Amino acid sequence: MRLVRGVLASFDEDGKLQPVVFQYNPESVKRVLRPQTLGGSALDTSKDEYKLSDQAPSYIDAPAQTLTITAYFDAVGDENIKNKLAFEQMQQYGIAPQLAMLEKLVYPTRASIEDRESKRAASKMPLRLTGCSPRAVLIWGDYRVLPVRVTSLDITEDVFDAALNPLRATVVFTLEVQTYANRAPDDDDYGRFGAYHQKLEMLAKQAQAPSKKERQRLQSYLAR
């Protein structure tokens, strides 16, 4: 079977894809799903517009989902050595370009900073940054193409060259999946999450069905 590498991709201002391919696929991915419901004991009573009721909880949106992934980057990995261009880049920069691509996902653009400062100087009033946070997509196989927002990056650089370029690093990042609640229906991320949701339902149908004898036994429990 062909090895499929995970990818965390972002988009530049022109919509061009800028992928960071995992040099080594992470050994584990921690996912936490929190259902978004109303009614019954699951209701968030801190919101004044809702009141606790005896009705069964109902879903109001897809669950809030976070993913925590640990990725490893190594300037002298086999894939870099086999690729002449990558090897030359490694000699000059180490793995700094890959780390910079990840860090860009938690930065505003330099252009938005300059635009804010220009408007602040003209109006003598502080202004918020213009523009949206960088868009990102986690591609984890055929069935998981998830629009995400990076909420934290924990980078540990272990080895450096003579110019202090990092040669090896461990990166722990936390991602927040962007669902229907986070995007407008005409947004690309809304469509991406909808496609993931559809594939999830299709995949669930592939789960092994219980045997006829097991189904009868389960039905007997429910009839009690």
N, C-alpha and C. Protein backbone atom coordinates (compact mmCIF):
# COMPACT_ATOMS: atom_id res chain seq x y z
N MET A 1 0.84 -1.19 0.00
CA MET A 1 0.00 0.00 0.00
C MET A 1 0.88 1.25 0.00
N ARG A 2 0.53 2.22 -0.82
CA ARG A 2 1.29 3.45 -0.92
C ARG A 2 1.14 4.28 0.35
N LEU A 3 2.27 4.80 0.84
CA LEU A 3 2.25 5.64 2.03
C LEU A 3 1.65 7.00 1.70
N VAL A 4 0.64 7.40 2.45
CA VAL A 4 0.03 8.72 2.29
C VAL A 4 0.50 9.59 3.44
N ARG A 5 1.08 10.72 3.12
CA ARG A 5 1.58 11.62 4.16
C ARG A 5 0.51 12.66 4.52
N GLY A 6 0.44 12.96 5.82
CA GLY A 6 -0.46 14.00 6.27
C GLY A 6 0.05 15.36 5.83
N VAL A 7 -0.88 16.31 5.66
CA VAL A 7 -0.53 17.64 5.19
C VAL A 7 -1.32 18.67 5.99
N LEU A 8 -0.63 19.74 6.40
CA LEU A 8 -1.31 20.91 6.95
C LEU A 8 -1.05 22.03 5.96
N ALA A 9 -2.09 22.44 5.26
CA ALA A 9 -1.93 23.41 4.18
C ALA A 9 -2.59 24.73 4.54
N SER A 10 -1.99 25.81 4.07
CA SER A 10 -2.59 27.13 4.23
C SER A 10 -2.79 27.74 2.84
N PHE A 11 -3.41 28.90 2.81
CA PHE A 11 -3.66 29.58 1.54
C PHE A 11 -3.11 31.00 1.64
N ASP A 12 -2.43 31.44 0.58
CA ASP A 12 -1.95 32.81 0.58
C ASP A 12 -3.08 33.75 0.17
N GLU A 13 -2.79 35.04 0.06
CA GLU A 13 -3.83 36.03 -0.23
C GLU A 13 -4.46 35.82 -1.60
N ASP A 14 -3.74 35.15 -2.51
CA ASP A 14 -4.27 34.87 -3.84
C ASP A 14 -4.97 33.52 -3.92
N GLY A 15 -5.09 32.83 -2.78
CA GLY A 15 -5.75 31.54 -2.75
C GLY A 15 -4.86 30.38 -3.14
N LYS A 16 -3.55 30.62 -3.29
CA LYS A 16 -2.63 29.56 -3.68
C LYS A 16 -2.31 28.68 -2.48
N LEU A 17 -2.35 27.36 -2.70
CA LEU A 17 -2.11 26.40 -1.64
C LEU A 17 -0.64 26.39 -1.24
N GLN A 18 -0.38 26.42 0.08
CA GLN A 18 0.98 26.37 0.61
C GLN A 18 1.05 25.22 1.61
N PRO A 19 1.42 24.02 1.15
CA PRO A 19 1.37 22.85 2.02
C PRO A 19 2.63 22.64 2.85
N VAL A 20 2.44 22.16 4.07
CA VAL A 20 3.53 21.64 4.89
C VAL A 20 3.27 20.13 5.03
N VAL A 21 4.07 19.34 4.34
CA VAL A 21 3.89 17.88 4.35
C VAL A 21 4.62 17.31 5.56
N PHE A 22 3.96 16.45 6.31
CA PHE A 22 4.60 15.84 7.47
C PHE A 22 5.72 14.92 6.97
N GLN A 23 6.93 15.23 7.37
CA GLN A 23 8.06 14.40 6.97
C GLN A 23 7.90 12.98 7.51
N TYR A 24 7.43 12.90 8.75
CA TYR A 24 7.09 11.60 9.37
C TYR A 24 5.66 11.72 9.87
N ASN A 25 4.81 10.82 9.45
CA ASN A 25 3.43 10.89 9.93
C ASN A 25 3.39 10.75 11.45
N PRO A 26 2.66 11.62 12.13
CA PRO A 26 2.55 11.53 13.60
C PRO A 26 2.04 10.15 14.01
N GLU A 27 2.55 9.68 15.14
CA GLU A 27 2.15 8.36 15.62
C GLU A 27 0.76 8.37 16.23
N SER A 28 0.30 9.54 16.67
CA SER A 28 -1.04 9.60 17.27
C SER A 28 -1.65 10.98 17.00
N VAL A 29 -2.98 10.98 16.96
CA VAL A 29 -3.75 12.21 16.82
C VAL A 29 -4.84 12.18 17.89
N LYS A 30 -4.79 13.15 18.80
CA LYS A 30 -5.81 13.21 19.85
C LYS A 30 -6.95 14.09 19.37
N ARG A 31 -8.17 13.55 19.39
CA ARG A 31 -9.34 14.31 18.96
C ARG A 31 -10.32 14.41 20.12
N VAL A 32 -10.84 15.60 20.34
CA VAL A 32 -11.86 15.82 21.37
C VAL A 32 -13.08 16.44 20.70
N LEU A 33 -14.23 15.78 20.82
CA LEU A 33 -15.48 16.27 20.24
C LEU A 33 -16.45 16.63 21.36
N ARG A 34 -16.98 17.83 21.30
CA ARG A 34 -17.94 18.29 22.30
C ARG A 34 -19.27 18.60 21.59
N PRO A 35 -20.31 17.78 21.82
CA PRO A 35 -21.60 18.00 21.16
C PRO A 35 -22.18 19.38 21.46
N GLN A 36 -22.78 19.97 20.45
CA GLN A 36 -23.45 21.26 20.60
C GLN A 36 -24.95 21.01 20.66
N THR A 37 -25.53 21.08 21.86
CA THR A 37 -26.93 20.69 22.05
C THR A 37 -27.72 21.75 22.81
N LEU A 38 -29.03 21.62 22.70
CA LEU A 38 -29.98 22.41 23.49
C LEU A 38 -31.01 21.46 24.07
N GLY A 39 -31.51 21.82 25.24
CA GLY A 39 -32.55 21.00 25.87
C GLY A 39 -31.98 20.03 26.88
N GLY A 40 -32.78 19.65 27.86
CA GLY A 40 -32.36 18.69 28.87
C GLY A 40 -31.19 19.20 29.68
N SER A 41 -30.45 18.28 30.29
CA SER A 41 -29.35 18.66 31.17
C SER A 41 -28.14 19.16 30.41
N ALA A 42 -28.12 18.97 29.07
CA ALA A 42 -26.98 19.41 28.29
C ALA A 42 -27.03 20.89 27.95
N LEU A 43 -28.10 21.58 28.31
CA LEU A 43 -28.27 22.98 27.98
C LEU A 43 -27.31 23.87 28.75
N ASP A 44 -26.72 24.85 28.07
CA ASP A 44 -25.87 25.84 28.74
C ASP A 44 -26.78 26.89 29.35
N THR A 45 -27.04 26.79 30.64
CA THR A 45 -27.98 27.69 31.30
C THR A 45 -27.40 29.07 31.57
N SER A 46 -26.12 29.27 31.21
CA SER A 46 -25.54 30.60 31.42
C SER A 46 -26.06 31.60 30.40
N LYS A 47 -26.70 31.10 29.35
CA LYS A 47 -27.25 31.98 28.32
C LYS A 47 -28.69 32.35 28.69
N ASP A 48 -28.94 33.65 28.80
CA ASP A 48 -30.24 34.13 29.26
C ASP A 48 -31.37 33.78 28.30
N GLU A 49 -31.05 33.63 27.01
CA GLU A 49 -32.13 33.40 26.06
C GLU A 49 -32.64 31.97 26.08
N TYR A 50 -31.97 31.09 26.80
CA TYR A 50 -32.41 29.70 26.88
C TYR A 50 -32.81 29.35 28.32
N LYS A 51 -33.77 28.47 28.44
CA LYS A 51 -34.19 28.01 29.75
C LYS A 51 -34.13 26.49 29.80
N LEU A 52 -33.83 25.97 30.95
CA LEU A 52 -33.77 24.52 31.12
C LEU A 52 -35.16 23.93 30.94
N SER A 53 -35.25 22.86 30.19
CA SER A 53 -36.55 22.23 29.94
C SER A 53 -36.42 20.73 30.14
N ASP A 54 -37.56 20.06 30.11
CA ASP A 54 -37.58 18.62 30.26
C ASP A 54 -37.43 17.90 28.93
N GLN A 55 -37.28 18.65 27.87
CA GLN A 55 -37.16 18.05 26.55
C GLN A 55 -35.79 17.39 26.39
N ALA A 56 -35.76 16.34 25.56
CA ALA A 56 -34.48 15.67 25.29
C ALA A 56 -33.56 16.61 24.54
N PRO A 57 -32.26 16.52 24.78
CA PRO A 57 -31.32 17.40 24.07
C PRO A 57 -31.42 17.22 22.55
N SER A 58 -31.27 18.30 21.82
CA SER A 58 -31.26 18.24 20.36
C SER A 58 -30.01 18.93 19.86
N TYR A 59 -29.47 18.44 18.75
CA TYR A 59 -28.24 19.01 18.20
C TYR A 59 -28.55 20.31 17.46
N ILE A 60 -27.75 21.33 17.72
CA ILE A 60 -27.93 22.60 17.02
C ILE A 60 -26.81 22.84 16.01
N ASP A 61 -25.77 22.04 16.06
CA ASP A 61 -24.68 22.18 15.10
C ASP A 61 -23.78 20.95 15.21
N ALA A 62 -22.80 20.88 14.32
CA ALA A 62 -21.79 19.82 14.42
C ALA A 62 -21.00 20.03 15.72
N PRO A 63 -20.43 18.97 16.27
CA PRO A 63 -19.69 19.12 17.52
C PRO A 63 -18.46 20.01 17.36
N ALA A 64 -18.12 20.72 18.43
CA ALA A 64 -16.85 21.45 18.45
C ALA A 64 -15.74 20.41 18.57
N GLN A 65 -14.79 20.46 17.67
CA GLN A 65 -13.75 19.42 17.62
C GLN A 65 -12.36 20.05 17.63
N THR A 66 -11.51 19.55 18.50
CA THR A 66 -10.12 19.97 18.53
C THR A 66 -9.22 18.77 18.31
N LEU A 67 -8.09 19.00 17.65
CA LEU A 67 -7.12 17.95 17.40
C LEU A 67 -5.76 18.40 17.91
N THR A 68 -5.05 17.49 18.57
CA THR A 68 -3.69 17.76 19.03
C THR A 68 -2.76 16.76 18.33
N ILE A 69 -1.77 17.29 17.64
CA ILE A 69 -0.88 16.47 16.82
C ILE A 69 0.58 16.82 17.14
N THR A 70 1.41 15.79 17.25
CA THR A 70 2.85 15.99 17.42
C THR A 70 3.55 15.56 16.14
N ALA A 71 4.26 16.51 15.53
CA ALA A 71 4.98 16.23 14.27
C ALA A 71 6.47 16.42 14.47
N TYR A 72 7.25 15.66 13.70
CA TYR A 72 8.71 15.72 13.81
C TYR A 72 9.30 16.14 12.46
N PHE A 73 10.29 17.03 12.52
CA PHE A 73 10.96 17.49 11.32
C PHE A 73 12.47 17.32 11.51
N ASP A 74 13.13 16.80 10.47
CA ASP A 74 14.56 16.50 10.56
C ASP A 74 15.21 16.87 9.23
N ALA A 75 16.21 17.76 9.27
CA ALA A 75 16.85 18.24 8.05
C ALA A 75 17.62 17.15 7.33
N VAL A 76 17.99 16.09 8.01
CA VAL A 76 18.77 15.03 7.36
C VAL A 76 17.93 13.76 7.19
N GLY A 77 16.61 13.92 7.12
CA GLY A 77 15.74 12.78 6.87
C GLY A 77 15.94 12.22 5.47
N ASP A 78 15.56 10.98 5.27
CA ASP A 78 15.79 10.31 3.99
C ASP A 78 15.16 11.04 2.82
N GLU A 79 13.94 11.57 3.01
CA GLU A 79 13.26 12.23 1.91
C GLU A 79 14.04 13.47 1.43
N ASN A 80 14.63 14.22 2.35
CA ASN A 80 15.40 15.39 1.96
C ASN A 80 16.67 15.01 1.21
N ILE A 81 17.34 13.95 1.65
CA ILE A 81 18.59 13.54 1.01
C ILE A 81 18.34 13.08 -0.42
N LYS A 82 17.25 12.40 -0.68
CA LYS A 82 16.93 11.91 -2.02
C LYS A 82 16.59 13.04 -2.98
N ASN A 83 16.13 14.17 -2.46
CA ASN A 83 15.72 15.29 -3.30
C ASN A 83 16.85 16.32 -3.31
N LYS A 84 17.47 16.56 -4.48
CA LYS A 84 18.63 17.44 -4.57
C LYS A 84 18.29 18.86 -4.13
N LEU A 85 17.15 19.38 -4.61
CA LEU A 85 16.76 20.74 -4.26
C LEU A 85 16.52 20.87 -2.76
N ALA A 86 15.85 19.87 -2.18
CA ALA A 86 15.58 19.90 -0.75
C ALA A 86 16.89 19.80 0.04
N PHE A 87 17.82 19.00 -0.48
CA PHE A 87 19.11 18.86 0.21
C PHE A 87 19.87 20.18 0.22
N GLU A 88 19.86 20.88 -0.92
CA GLU A 88 20.53 22.18 -1.00
C GLU A 88 19.86 23.20 -0.08
N GLN A 89 18.54 23.15 -0.03
CA GLN A 89 17.81 24.05 0.87
C GLN A 89 18.14 23.75 2.32
N MET A 90 18.26 22.47 2.65
CA MET A 90 18.59 22.06 4.01
C MET A 90 19.96 22.59 4.41
N GLN A 91 20.93 22.55 3.48
CA GLN A 91 22.27 23.04 3.78
C GLN A 91 22.26 24.54 4.08
N GLN A 92 21.36 25.28 3.44
CA GLN A 92 21.34 26.73 3.61
C GLN A 92 20.48 27.18 4.78
N TYR A 93 19.31 26.51 4.96
CA TYR A 93 18.34 27.00 5.95
C TYR A 93 17.98 25.98 7.03
N GLY A 94 18.41 24.75 6.91
CA GLY A 94 17.92 23.72 7.83
C GLY A 94 16.43 23.51 7.61
N ILE A 95 15.67 23.36 8.69
CA ILE A 95 14.22 23.18 8.57
C ILE A 95 13.48 24.48 8.88
N ALA A 96 14.20 25.61 8.89
CA ALA A 96 13.57 26.90 9.18
C ALA A 96 12.40 27.21 8.25
N PRO A 97 12.47 26.91 6.92
CA PRO A 97 11.33 27.21 6.06
C PRO A 97 10.05 26.47 6.46
N GLN A 98 10.17 25.18 6.83
CA GLN A 98 8.98 24.43 7.26
C GLN A 98 8.39 25.02 8.53
N LEU A 99 9.24 25.38 9.47
CA LEU A 99 8.76 25.96 10.72
C LEU A 99 8.11 27.33 10.47
N ALA A 100 8.70 28.09 9.55
CA ALA A 100 8.14 29.41 9.23
C ALA A 100 6.75 29.29 8.62
N MET A 101 6.54 28.27 7.80
CA MET A 101 5.22 28.05 7.20
C MET A 101 4.18 27.77 8.28
N LEU A 102 4.57 27.00 9.29
CA LEU A 102 3.66 26.71 10.38
C LEU A 102 3.40 27.96 11.23
N GLU A 103 4.46 28.71 11.50
CA GLU A 103 4.30 29.91 12.33
C GLU A 103 3.42 30.95 11.65
N LYS A 104 3.45 31.01 10.32
CA LYS A 104 2.61 31.97 9.60
C LYS A 104 1.13 31.79 9.93
N LEU A 105 0.76 30.59 10.34
CA LEU A 105 -0.65 30.30 10.61
C LEU A 105 -1.15 30.96 11.90
N VAL A 106 -0.25 31.50 12.71
CA VAL A 106 -0.69 32.18 13.93
C VAL A 106 -0.28 33.66 13.92
N TYR A 107 0.12 34.15 12.76
CA TYR A 107 0.50 35.56 12.61
C TYR A 107 -0.50 36.28 11.71
N PRO A 108 -0.73 37.58 11.97
CA PRO A 108 -1.38 38.40 10.94
C PRO A 108 -0.35 38.66 9.84
N THR A 109 -0.80 39.07 8.67
CA THR A 109 0.16 39.39 7.62
C THR A 109 0.85 40.71 7.93
N ARG A 110 2.07 40.86 7.43
CA ARG A 110 2.80 42.11 7.63
C ARG A 110 2.05 43.27 6.97
N ALA A 111 1.39 43.00 5.83
CA ALA A 111 0.64 44.05 5.14
C ALA A 111 -0.50 44.57 6.01
N SER A 112 -1.16 43.67 6.76
CA SER A 112 -2.26 44.12 7.61
C SER A 112 -1.75 44.97 8.78
N ILE A 113 -0.55 44.67 9.26
CA ILE A 113 0.05 45.48 10.32
C ILE A 113 0.34 46.89 9.80
N GLU A 114 0.95 46.95 8.62
CA GLU A 114 1.29 48.25 8.04
C GLU A 114 0.03 49.06 7.75
N ASP A 115 -1.02 48.39 7.28
CA ASP A 115 -2.29 49.08 7.00
C ASP A 115 -2.88 49.65 8.28
N ARG A 116 -2.84 48.88 9.36
CA ARG A 116 -3.37 49.36 10.63
C ARG A 116 -2.59 50.57 11.15
N GLU A 117 -1.26 50.48 11.07
CA GLU A 117 -0.46 51.58 11.59
C GLU A 117 -0.65 52.85 10.78
N SER A 118 -0.85 52.69 9.47
CA SER A 118 -1.10 53.85 8.62
C SER A 118 -2.41 54.53 8.99
N LYS A 119 -3.46 53.73 9.21
CA LYS A 119 -4.76 54.28 9.57
C LYS A 119 -4.74 54.85 10.98
N ARG A 120 -3.99 54.22 11.86
CA ARG A 120 -3.90 54.72 13.23
C ARG A 120 -3.23 56.11 13.24
N ALA A 121 -2.16 56.26 12.42
CA ALA A 121 -1.46 57.53 12.36
C ALA A 121 -2.34 58.64 11.79
N ALA A 122 -3.20 58.27 10.84
CA ALA A 122 -4.06 59.27 10.20
C ALA A 122 -5.20 59.70 11.11
N SER A 123 -5.75 58.77 11.87
CA SER A 123 -6.92 59.07 12.70
C SER A 123 -6.59 59.32 14.15
N LYS A 124 -5.33 59.02 14.55
CA LYS A 124 -4.91 59.16 15.94
C LYS A 124 -5.69 58.24 16.87
N MET A 125 -6.31 57.19 16.30
CA MET A 125 -7.10 56.27 17.10
C MET A 125 -6.64 54.84 16.83
N PRO A 126 -6.61 53.98 17.85
CA PRO A 126 -6.23 52.58 17.62
C PRO A 126 -7.29 51.86 16.80
N LEU A 127 -6.85 51.06 15.88
CA LEU A 127 -7.75 50.32 15.02
C LEU A 127 -7.41 48.83 15.06
N ARG A 128 -8.41 48.01 14.84
CA ARG A 128 -8.17 46.58 14.75
C ARG A 128 -7.53 46.24 13.42
N LEU A 129 -6.87 45.08 13.38
CA LEU A 129 -6.28 44.64 12.13
C LEU A 129 -7.36 44.31 11.12
N THR A 130 -7.07 44.58 9.86
CA THR A 130 -7.99 44.20 8.79
C THR A 130 -7.62 42.82 8.27
N GLY A 131 -8.56 42.18 7.62
CA GLY A 131 -8.28 40.87 7.06
C GLY A 131 -8.59 39.74 8.03
N CYS A 132 -8.71 38.53 7.50
CA CYS A 132 -9.04 37.36 8.31
C CYS A 132 -7.77 36.62 8.72
N SER A 133 -7.92 35.75 9.71
CA SER A 133 -6.80 34.90 10.08
C SER A 133 -6.52 33.92 8.94
N PRO A 134 -5.28 33.44 8.81
CA PRO A 134 -4.93 32.53 7.71
C PRO A 134 -5.82 31.29 7.70
N ARG A 135 -6.27 30.92 6.52
CA ARG A 135 -7.07 29.70 6.37
C ARG A 135 -6.14 28.49 6.31
N ALA A 136 -6.55 27.40 6.94
CA ALA A 136 -5.74 26.18 6.94
C ALA A 136 -6.64 24.97 6.75
N VAL A 137 -6.07 23.94 6.18
CA VAL A 137 -6.79 22.68 5.95
C VAL A 137 -5.87 21.53 6.36
N LEU A 138 -6.39 20.64 7.20
CA LEU A 138 -5.67 19.42 7.55
C LEU A 138 -6.12 18.32 6.61
N ILE A 139 -5.17 17.75 5.88
CA ILE A 139 -5.48 16.64 4.96
C ILE A 139 -4.90 15.38 5.58
N TRP A 140 -5.77 14.53 6.08
CA TRP A 140 -5.36 13.32 6.78
C TRP A 140 -6.05 12.12 6.12
N GLY A 141 -5.59 11.80 4.92
CA GLY A 141 -6.20 10.70 4.18
C GLY A 141 -7.41 11.17 3.38
N ASP A 142 -8.04 10.21 2.70
CA ASP A 142 -9.16 10.53 1.81
C ASP A 142 -10.40 11.00 2.54
N TYR A 143 -10.61 10.53 3.76
CA TYR A 143 -11.86 10.80 4.44
C TYR A 143 -11.78 11.95 5.44
N ARG A 144 -10.60 12.51 5.63
CA ARG A 144 -10.47 13.61 6.58
C ARG A 144 -9.75 14.78 5.93
N VAL A 145 -10.51 15.65 5.33
CA VAL A 145 -10.02 16.91 4.81
C VAL A 145 -10.78 17.98 5.58
N LEU A 146 -10.13 18.53 6.60
CA LEU A 146 -10.82 19.37 7.58
C LEU A 146 -10.33 20.81 7.55
N PRO A 147 -11.24 21.77 7.40
CA PRO A 147 -10.83 23.17 7.57
C PRO A 147 -10.56 23.42 9.05
N VAL A 148 -9.42 24.01 9.36
CA VAL A 148 -9.02 24.15 10.75
C VAL A 148 -8.46 25.55 11.01
N ARG A 149 -8.38 25.87 12.30
CA ARG A 149 -7.70 27.08 12.77
C ARG A 149 -6.68 26.64 13.80
N VAL A 150 -5.43 27.11 13.66
CA VAL A 150 -4.39 26.75 14.61
C VAL A 150 -4.58 27.59 15.87
N THR A 151 -4.78 26.92 17.01
CA THR A 151 -4.99 27.64 18.27
C THR A 151 -3.74 27.67 19.14
N SER A 152 -2.78 26.77 18.88
CA SER A 152 -1.51 26.82 19.61
C SER A 152 -0.44 26.05 18.86
N LEU A 153 0.81 26.52 19.03
CA LEU A 153 1.99 25.85 18.47
C LEU A 153 3.03 25.75 19.58
N ASP A 154 3.55 24.55 19.78
CA ASP A 154 4.61 24.34 20.78
C ASP A 154 5.80 23.74 20.03
N ILE A 155 6.83 24.56 19.80
CA ILE A 155 7.96 24.16 18.97
C ILE A 155 9.20 23.97 19.83
N THR A 156 9.81 22.78 19.73
CA THR A 156 11.07 22.51 20.41
C THR A 156 12.13 22.22 19.36
N GLU A 157 13.12 23.11 19.23
CA GLU A 157 14.22 22.92 18.29
C GLU A 157 15.38 22.25 19.03
N ASP A 158 15.87 21.15 18.48
CA ASP A 158 16.83 20.32 19.20
C ASP A 158 18.27 20.45 18.72
N VAL A 159 18.48 20.56 17.41
CA VAL A 159 19.83 20.55 16.85
C VAL A 159 19.97 21.73 15.89
N PHE A 160 21.16 22.36 15.88
CA PHE A 160 21.39 23.53 15.03
C PHE A 160 22.70 23.37 14.26
N ASP A 161 22.79 24.05 13.10
CA ASP A 161 24.03 24.05 12.35
C ASP A 161 24.91 25.22 12.80
N ALA A 162 26.01 25.44 12.07
CA ALA A 162 26.95 26.48 12.47
C ALA A 162 26.35 27.88 12.40
N ALA A 163 25.33 28.06 11.54
CA ALA A 163 24.67 29.36 11.40
C ALA A 163 23.43 29.46 12.30
N LEU A 164 23.26 28.48 13.19
CA LEU A 164 22.13 28.42 14.13
C LEU A 164 20.79 28.18 13.44
N ASN A 165 20.82 27.61 12.25
CA ASN A 165 19.58 27.16 11.63
C ASN A 165 19.13 25.87 12.31
N PRO A 166 17.85 25.72 12.63
CA PRO A 166 17.38 24.48 13.27
C PRO A 166 17.45 23.31 12.30
N LEU A 167 17.95 22.19 12.80
CA LEU A 167 18.06 20.99 11.98
C LEU A 167 17.08 19.90 12.39
N ARG A 168 16.55 20.01 13.58
CA ARG A 168 15.60 19.00 14.07
C ARG A 168 14.63 19.69 15.03
N ALA A 169 13.36 19.34 14.93
CA ALA A 169 12.36 19.99 15.79
C ALA A 169 11.17 19.07 16.02
N THR A 170 10.56 19.26 17.16
CA THR A 170 9.30 18.61 17.49
C THR A 170 8.25 19.70 17.62
N VAL A 171 7.15 19.55 16.91
CA VAL A 171 6.10 20.56 16.90
C VAL A 171 4.79 19.94 17.38
N VAL A 172 4.24 20.49 18.45
CA VAL A 172 2.93 20.07 18.93
C VAL A 172 1.95 21.19 18.61
N PHE A 173 0.96 20.90 17.78
CA PHE A 173 0.00 21.95 17.46
C PHE A 173 -1.41 21.49 17.74
N THR A 174 -2.22 22.45 18.15
CA THR A 174 -3.64 22.19 18.43
C THR A 174 -4.47 22.89 17.38
N LEU A 175 -5.41 22.16 16.82
CA LEU A 175 -6.24 22.66 15.74
C LEU A 175 -7.70 22.67 16.16
N GLU A 176 -8.41 23.70 15.78
CA GLU A 176 -9.85 23.79 16.01
C GLU A 176 -10.55 23.64 14.67
N VAL A 177 -11.37 22.60 14.54
CA VAL A 177 -12.07 22.35 13.28
C VAL A 177 -13.12 23.45 13.07
N GLN A 178 -13.16 23.98 11.85
CA GLN A 178 -14.13 25.01 11.50
C GLN A 178 -15.39 24.33 10.94
N THR A 179 -16.50 24.47 11.66
CA THR A 179 -17.74 23.78 11.30
C THR A 179 -18.73 24.76 10.68
N TYR A 180 -19.99 24.31 10.54
CA TYR A 180 -21.03 25.16 9.98
C TYR A 180 -21.20 26.45 10.79
N ALA A 181 -20.97 26.36 12.10
CA ALA A 181 -21.18 27.50 12.97
C ALA A 181 -20.11 28.58 12.78
N ASN A 182 -18.96 28.20 12.23
CA ASN A 182 -17.85 29.15 12.09
C ASN A 182 -17.79 29.84 10.74
N ARG A 183 -18.52 29.35 9.77
CA ARG A 183 -18.41 29.87 8.41
C ARG A 183 -19.80 30.07 7.79
N ALA A 184 -19.88 31.00 6.84
CA ALA A 184 -21.13 31.26 6.11
C ALA A 184 -21.32 30.17 5.06
N PRO A 185 -22.57 29.90 4.65
CA PRO A 185 -22.83 28.83 3.68
C PRO A 185 -22.11 29.00 2.35
N ASP A 186 -21.77 30.22 1.96
CA ASP A 186 -21.09 30.42 0.69
C ASP A 186 -19.57 30.39 0.83
N ASP A 187 -19.07 30.06 2.01
CA ASP A 187 -17.64 30.02 2.26
C ASP A 187 -17.07 28.65 1.86
N ASP A 188 -15.85 28.65 1.33
CA ASP A 188 -15.22 27.40 0.90
C ASP A 188 -15.07 26.42 2.07
N ASP A 189 -14.73 26.94 3.25
CA ASP A 189 -14.55 26.06 4.41
C ASP A 189 -15.87 25.40 4.82
N TYR A 190 -16.97 26.09 4.64
CA TYR A 190 -18.29 25.52 4.93
C TYR A 190 -18.51 24.30 4.03
N GLY A 191 -18.17 24.45 2.76
CA GLY A 191 -18.30 23.33 1.82
C GLY A 191 -17.35 22.20 2.14
N ARG A 192 -16.12 22.53 2.56
CA ARG A 192 -15.16 21.48 2.90
C ARG A 192 -15.64 20.67 4.10
N PHE A 193 -16.18 21.38 5.10
CA PHE A 193 -16.66 20.64 6.27
C PHE A 193 -17.89 19.81 5.90
N GLY A 194 -18.74 20.34 5.04
CA GLY A 194 -19.91 19.57 4.61
C GLY A 194 -19.51 18.29 3.89
N ALA A 195 -18.45 18.36 3.06
CA ALA A 195 -17.97 17.17 2.36
C ALA A 195 -17.41 16.16 3.36
N TYR A 196 -16.69 16.65 4.38
CA TYR A 196 -16.18 15.75 5.43
C TYR A 196 -17.33 15.09 6.17
N HIS A 197 -18.36 15.86 6.51
CA HIS A 197 -19.52 15.33 7.23
C HIS A 197 -20.20 14.23 6.42
N GLN A 198 -20.33 14.46 5.13
CA GLN A 198 -20.96 13.47 4.26
C GLN A 198 -20.14 12.19 4.20
N LYS A 199 -18.82 12.32 4.09
CA LYS A 199 -17.95 11.14 4.05
C LYS A 199 -17.99 10.40 5.38
N LEU A 200 -18.13 11.15 6.48
CA LEU A 200 -18.21 10.52 7.80
C LEU A 200 -19.44 9.62 7.89
N GLU A 201 -20.57 10.09 7.39
CA GLU A 201 -21.79 9.29 7.41
C GLU A 201 -21.66 8.06 6.51
N MET A 202 -21.02 8.24 5.35
CA MET A 202 -20.80 7.10 4.45
C MET A 202 -19.88 6.07 5.09
N LEU A 203 -18.84 6.55 5.79
CA LEU A 203 -17.88 5.63 6.43
C LEU A 203 -18.54 4.85 7.55
N ALA A 204 -19.44 5.52 8.29
CA ALA A 204 -20.13 4.85 9.39
C ALA A 204 -20.95 3.66 8.90
N LYS A 205 -21.44 3.74 7.67
CA LYS A 205 -22.23 2.64 7.11
C LYS A 205 -21.38 1.40 6.83
N GLN A 206 -20.05 1.60 6.79
CA GLN A 206 -19.16 0.46 6.53
C GLN A 206 -18.82 -0.33 7.79
N ALA A 207 -19.28 0.17 8.95
CA ALA A 207 -19.01 -0.56 10.19
C ALA A 207 -19.67 -1.93 10.14
N GLN A 208 -19.01 -2.91 10.73
CA GLN A 208 -19.49 -4.29 10.67
C GLN A 208 -20.82 -4.44 11.40
N ALA A 209 -21.81 -4.93 10.69
CA ALA A 209 -23.14 -5.12 11.28
C ALA A 209 -23.14 -6.36 12.18
N PRO A 210 -23.92 -6.35 13.26
CA PRO A 210 -23.99 -7.53 14.12
C PRO A 210 -24.66 -8.69 13.40
N SER A 211 -24.34 -9.90 13.82
CA SER A 211 -24.97 -11.08 13.23
C SER A 211 -26.45 -11.12 13.60
N LYS A 212 -27.18 -11.96 12.92
CA LYS A 212 -28.62 -12.08 13.19
C LYS A 212 -28.87 -12.51 14.62
N LYS A 213 -28.06 -13.44 15.13
CA LYS A 213 -28.22 -13.92 16.50
C LYS A 213 -27.92 -12.80 17.50
N GLU A 214 -26.85 -12.04 17.23
CA GLU A 214 -26.48 -10.94 18.12
C GLU A 214 -27.54 -9.85 18.10
N ARG A 215 -28.11 -9.57 16.92
CA ARG A 215 -29.15 -8.56 16.80
C ARG A 215 -30.39 -8.95 17.61
N GLN A 216 -30.76 -10.24 17.55
CA GLN A 216 -31.90 -10.71 18.31
C GLN A 216 -31.67 -10.57 19.82
N ARG A 217 -30.44 -10.85 20.23
CA ARG A 217 -30.11 -10.73 21.65
C ARG A 217 -30.22 -9.27 22.11
N LEU A 218 -29.73 -8.37 21.28
CA LEU A 218 -29.80 -6.94 21.62
C LEU A 218 -31.26 -6.47 21.67
N GLN A 219 -32.07 -6.96 20.73
CA GLN A 219 -33.47 -6.59 20.70
C GLN A 219 -34.19 -7.05 21.96
N SER A 220 -33.77 -8.22 22.49
CA SER A 220 -34.40 -8.74 23.70
C SER A 220 -34.11 -7.84 24.89
N TYR A 221 -32.91 -7.24 24.93
CA TYR A 221 -32.59 -6.30 26.01
C TYR A 221 -33.48 -5.06 25.93
N LEU A 222 -33.69 -4.58 24.72
CA LEU A 222 -34.47 -3.36 24.54
C LEU A 222 -35.94 -3.57 24.86
N ALA A 223 -36.39 -4.82 24.73
CA ALA A 223 -37.81 -5.12 24.95
C ALA A 223 -38.15 -5.24 26.43
N ARG A 224 -37.16 -5.30 27.29
CA ARG A 224 -37.40 -5.48 28.72
C ARG A 224 -37.98 -4.22 29.37
